[in-house]
Amino acid sequence: MVNYHYRAIQLSIANG
């Protein structure tokens, strides 16, 4: 699912 990957990326950015 692309949604899962997208969420993972957003989480990574939020973690900064």
PDB file of N, CA and C in Angstrom:
ATOM      1  N   MET A   1       0.852  -1.204   0.000  1.00  0.00           N
ATOM      2  CA  MET A   1       0.000   0.000   0.000  1.00  0.00           C
ATOM      3  C   MET A   1       0.881   1.244   0.000  1.00  0.00           C
ATOM      4  N   VAL A   2       0.616   2.145  -0.918  1.00  0.00           N
ATOM      5  CA  VAL A   2       1.413   3.370  -0.996  1.00  0.00           C
ATOM      6  C   VAL A   2       1.150   4.227   0.241  1.00  0.00           C
ATOM      7  N   ASN A   3      -0.100   4.179   0.739  1.00  0.00           N
ATOM      8  CA  ASN A   3      -0.463   4.987   1.892  1.00  0.00           C
ATOM      9  C   ASN A   3       0.477   4.703   3.060  1.00  0.00           C
ATOM     10  N   TYR A   4       0.801   3.430   3.246  1.00  0.00           N
ATOM     11  CA  TYR A   4       1.682   3.043   4.355  1.00  0.00           C
ATOM     12  C   TYR A   4       3.048   3.695   4.196  1.00  0.00           C
ATOM     13  N   HIS A   5       3.569   3.655   2.995  1.00  0.00           N
ATOM     14  CA  HIS A   5       4.890   4.233   2.729  1.00  0.00           C
ATOM     15  C   HIS A   5       4.842   5.743   2.956  1.00  0.00           C
ATOM     16  N   TYR A   6       3.779   6.361   2.454  1.00  0.00           N
ATOM     17  CA  TYR A   6       3.644   7.808   2.587  1.00  0.00           C
ATOM     18  C   TYR A   6       3.621   8.197   4.062  1.00  0.00           C
ATOM     19  N   ARG A   7       2.897   7.427   4.850  1.00  0.00           N
ATOM     20  CA  ARG A   7       2.797   7.703   6.287  1.00  0.00           C
ATOM     21  C   ARG A   7       4.175   7.561   6.939  1.00  0.00           C
ATOM     22  N   ALA A   8       4.913   6.555   6.515  1.00  0.00           N
ATOM     23  CA  ALA A   8       6.250   6.322   7.076  1.00  0.00           C
ATOM     24  C   ALA A   8       7.151   7.511   6.782  1.00  0.00           C
ATOM     25  N   ILE A   9       7.021   8.063   5.586  1.00  0.00           N
ATOM     26  CA  ILE A   9       7.854   9.212   5.204  1.00  0.00           C
ATOM     27  C   ILE A   9       7.479  10.413   6.068  1.00  0.00           C
ATOM     28  N   GLN A  10       6.191  10.661   6.218  1.00  0.00           N
ATOM     29  CA  GLN A  10       5.737  11.798   7.026  1.00  0.00           C
ATOM     30  C   GLN A  10       6.233  11.646   8.454  1.00  0.00           C
ATOM     31  N   LEU A  11       6.198  10.423   8.966  1.00  0.00           N
ATOM     32  CA  LEU A  11       6.670  10.173  10.325  1.00  0.00           C
ATOM     33  C   LEU A  11       8.150  10.497  10.422  1.00  0.00           C
ATOM     34  N   SER A  12       8.896  10.092   9.402  1.00  0.00           N
ATOM     35  CA  SER A  12      10.345  10.335   9.375  1.00  0.00           C
ATOM     36  C   SER A  12      10.616  11.837   9.398  1.00  0.00           C
ATOM     37  N   ILE A  13       9.828  12.593   8.633  1.00  0.00           N
ATOM     38  CA  ILE A  13      10.024  14.045   8.568  1.00  0.00           C
ATOM     39  C   ILE A  13       9.671  14.663   9.924  1.00  0.00           C
ATOM     40  N   ALA A  14       8.561  14.208  10.500  1.00  0.00           N
ATOM     41  CA  ALA A  14       8.125  14.737  11.791  1.00  0.00           C
ATOM     42  C   ALA A  14       9.199  14.464  12.844  1.00  0.00           C
ATOM     43  N   ASN A  15       9.852  13.307  12.734  1.00  0.00           N
ATOM     44  CA  ASN A  15      10.903  12.954  13.676  1.00  0.00           C
ATOM     45  C   ASN A  15      12.079  13.903  13.502  1.00  0.00           C
ATOM     46  N   GLY A  16      12.281  14.343  12.246  1.00  0.00           N
ATOM     47  CA  GLY A  16      13.325  15.281  11.920  1.00  0.00           C
ATOM     48  C   GLY A  16      14.607  14.934  12.632  1.00  0.00           C
TER      49      GLY A  16
END
